[in-house]
Amino acid sequence: MMSIFVEKFMEKNKFERATFIVGIVSSLIVIIFAVLQIFSVWNYAVIVCEIFMGISMIAQAILQWKTNKRIAIFSLCVAAFIFIVAIFVLFIK
């Protein structure tokens, strides 16, 4: 099972692999900061969480661009919306 994943991963070019890793890392960071916000460890974790959600959506858009441009464009629109909300929350809060 794992070898199939590794084979599929190695078939991709370096840019796609790097984008995939950025997407995974940013998703993990979102989870960590969401937990920090939920347990009131850091009150501004939601702002950082939103920024990394946008980065994750951009990575997803880049990976989807070749296979499905509609999903990629939608992901870019969602990422732009997330960044706008993050900036709005940063300056209002």
C-alpha atoms as a PDB file:
ATOM      1  CA  MET A   1       0.000   0.000   0.000  1.00  0.00           C
ATOM      2  CA  MET A   2       2.701   2.468   0.975  1.00  0.00           C
ATOM      3  CA  SER A   3       4.861   1.511  -1.993  1.00  0.00           C
ATOM      4  CA  ILE A   4       2.019   2.429  -4.373  1.00  0.00           C
ATOM      5  CA  PHE A   5       1.846   5.871  -2.791  1.00  0.00           C
ATOM      6  CA  VAL A   6       5.624   6.297  -3.034  1.00  0.00           C
ATOM      7  CA  GLU A   7       5.627   5.201  -6.688  1.00  0.00           C
ATOM      8  CA  LYS A   8       2.825   7.652  -7.567  1.00  0.00           C
ATOM      9  CA  PHE A   9       4.595  10.400  -5.626  1.00  0.00           C
ATOM     10  CA  MET A  10       7.911   9.806  -7.395  1.00  0.00           C
ATOM     11  CA  GLU A  11       6.201   9.938 -10.820  1.00  0.00           C
ATOM     12  CA  LYS A  12       5.418  13.618 -10.268  1.00  0.00           C
ATOM     13  CA  ASN A  13       7.926  16.308 -11.150  1.00  0.00           C
ATOM     14  CA  LYS A  14       9.813  18.220  -8.449  1.00  0.00           C
ATOM     15  CA  PHE A  15       7.480  21.214  -8.524  1.00  0.00           C
ATOM     16  CA  GLU A  16       4.385  19.055  -8.006  1.00  0.00           C
ATOM     17  CA  ARG A  17       6.090  17.148  -5.181  1.00  0.00           C
ATOM     18  CA  ALA A  18       7.111  20.385  -3.478  1.00  0.00           C
ATOM     19  CA  THR A  19       3.601  21.793  -3.874  1.00  0.00           C
ATOM     20  CA  PHE A  20       2.111  18.611  -2.436  1.00  0.00           C
ATOM     21  CA  ILE A  21       4.432  18.794   0.577  1.00  0.00           C
ATOM     22  CA  VAL A  22       3.602  22.479   1.113  1.00  0.00           C
ATOM     23  CA  GLY A  23      -0.094  21.597   1.056  1.00  0.00           C
ATOM     24  CA  ILE A  24       0.342  18.818   3.608  1.00  0.00           C
ATOM     25  CA  VAL A  25       2.522  20.918   5.929  1.00  0.00           C
ATOM     26  CA  SER A  26       0.168  23.901   5.775  1.00  0.00           C
ATOM     27  CA  SER A  27      -2.787  21.623   6.510  1.00  0.00           C
ATOM     28  CA  LEU A  28      -1.002  20.245   9.569  1.00  0.00           C
ATOM     29  CA  ILE A  29      -0.216  23.783  10.721  1.00  0.00           C
ATOM     30  CA  VAL A  30      -3.903  24.691  10.324  1.00  0.00           C
ATOM     31  CA  ILE A  31      -4.852  21.760  12.548  1.00  0.00           C
ATOM     32  CA  ILE A  32      -2.278  22.716  15.181  1.00  0.00           C
ATOM     33  CA  PHE A  33      -3.354  26.359  15.296  1.00  0.00           C
ATOM     34  CA  ALA A  34      -7.025  25.393  15.338  1.00  0.00           C
ATOM     35  CA  VAL A  35      -6.381  23.260  18.416  1.00  0.00           C
ATOM     36  CA  LEU A  36      -4.480  26.140  20.024  1.00  0.00           C
ATOM     37  CA  GLN A  37      -7.446  28.436  19.348  1.00  0.00           C
ATOM     38  CA  ILE A  38     -10.026  25.931  20.590  1.00  0.00           C
ATOM     39  CA  PHE A  39      -8.229  25.439  23.892  1.00  0.00           C
ATOM     40  CA  SER A  40      -7.549  29.203  24.265  1.00  0.00           C
ATOM     41  CA  VAL A  41      -3.793  28.720  24.371  1.00  0.00           C
ATOM     42  CA  TRP A  42      -3.226  31.549  21.898  1.00  0.00           C
ATOM     43  CA  ASN A  43      -6.034  33.978  21.085  1.00  0.00           C
ATOM     44  CA  TYR A  44      -4.628  35.074  17.720  1.00  0.00           C
ATOM     45  CA  ALA A  45      -4.071  31.549  16.397  1.00  0.00           C
ATOM     46  CA  VAL A  46      -7.142  31.893  14.189  1.00  0.00           C
ATOM     47  CA  ILE A  47      -5.428  34.604  12.129  1.00  0.00           C
ATOM     48  CA  VAL A  48      -2.387  32.429  11.485  1.00  0.00           C
ATOM     49  CA  CYS A  49      -4.706  29.501  10.829  1.00  0.00           C
ATOM     50  CA  GLU A  50      -6.560  31.487   8.149  1.00  0.00           C
ATOM     51  CA  ILE A  51      -3.330  32.445   6.403  1.00  0.00           C
ATOM     52  CA  PHE A  52      -2.195  28.831   6.227  1.00  0.00           C
ATOM     53  CA  MET A  53      -5.650  27.768   4.988  1.00  0.00           C
ATOM     54  CA  GLY A  54      -5.132  30.171   2.096  1.00  0.00           C
ATOM     55  CA  ILE A  55      -1.691  28.728   1.395  1.00  0.00           C
ATOM     56  CA  SER A  56      -3.177  25.242   1.454  1.00  0.00           C
ATOM     57  CA  MET A  57      -5.888  26.273  -1.022  1.00  0.00           C
ATOM     58  CA  ILE A  58      -3.282  27.802  -3.360  1.00  0.00           C
ATOM     59  CA  ALA A  59      -1.280  24.556  -3.244  1.00  0.00           C
ATOM     60  CA  GLN A  60      -4.449  22.616  -4.037  1.00  0.00           C
ATOM     61  CA  ALA A  61      -5.194  24.939  -6.957  1.00  0.00           C
ATOM     62  CA  ILE A  62      -1.721  24.441  -8.383  1.00  0.00           C
ATOM     63  CA  LEU A  63      -2.049  20.666  -8.146  1.00  0.00           C
ATOM     64  CA  GLN A  64      -5.535  20.674  -9.715  1.00  0.00           C
ATOM     65  CA  TRP A  65      -4.677  23.050 -12.567  1.00  0.00           C
ATOM     66  CA  LYS A  66      -3.741  20.311 -15.051  1.00  0.00           C
ATOM     67  CA  THR A  67      -6.624  17.970 -14.290  1.00  0.00           C
ATOM     68  CA  ASN A  68      -9.571  20.251 -13.502  1.00  0.00           C
ATOM     69  CA  LYS A  69      -9.296  23.983 -14.082  1.00  0.00           C
ATOM     70  CA  ARG A  70     -12.738  24.744 -12.622  1.00  0.00           C
ATOM     71  CA  ILE A  71     -11.734  23.335  -9.258  1.00  0.00           C
ATOM     72  CA  ALA A  72      -8.403  25.158  -9.469  1.00  0.00           C
ATOM     73  CA  ILE A  73     -10.078  28.495 -10.194  1.00  0.00           C
ATOM     74  CA  PHE A  74     -12.564  27.917  -7.386  1.00  0.00           C
ATOM     75  CA  SER A  75      -9.684  27.098  -5.018  1.00  0.00           C
ATOM     76  CA  LEU A  76      -7.931  30.325  -6.004  1.00  0.00           C
ATOM     77  CA  CYS A  77     -11.120  32.303  -5.375  1.00  0.00           C
ATOM     78  CA  VAL A  78     -11.506  30.665  -1.962  1.00  0.00           C
ATOM     79  CA  ALA A  79      -7.860  31.408  -1.162  1.00  0.00           C
ATOM     80  CA  ALA A  80      -8.365  35.072  -2.109  1.00  0.00           C
ATOM     81  CA  PHE A  81     -11.470  35.219   0.088  1.00  0.00           C
ATOM     82  CA  ILE A  82      -9.568  33.631   2.990  1.00  0.00           C
ATOM     83  CA  PHE A  83      -6.728  36.156   2.661  1.00  0.00           C
ATOM     84  CA  ILE A  84      -9.192  39.065   2.534  1.00  0.00           C
ATOM     85  CA  VAL A  85     -10.945  37.803   5.671  1.00  0.00           C
ATOM     86  CA  ALA A  86      -7.583  37.265   7.417  1.00  0.00           C
ATOM     87  CA  ILE A  87      -6.504  40.830   6.644  1.00  0.00           C
ATOM     88  CA  PHE A  88      -9.889  42.172   7.727  1.00  0.00           C
ATOM     89  CA  VAL A  89      -9.778  40.236  11.020  1.00  0.00           C
ATOM     90  CA  LEU A  90      -6.151  41.251  11.617  1.00  0.00           C
ATOM     91  CA  PHE A  91      -6.897  44.956  11.362  1.00  0.00           C
ATOM     92  CA  ILE A  92     -10.310  44.899  13.081  1.00  0.00           C
ATOM     93  CA  LYS A  93      -9.223  42.774  16.037  1.00  0.00           C
END
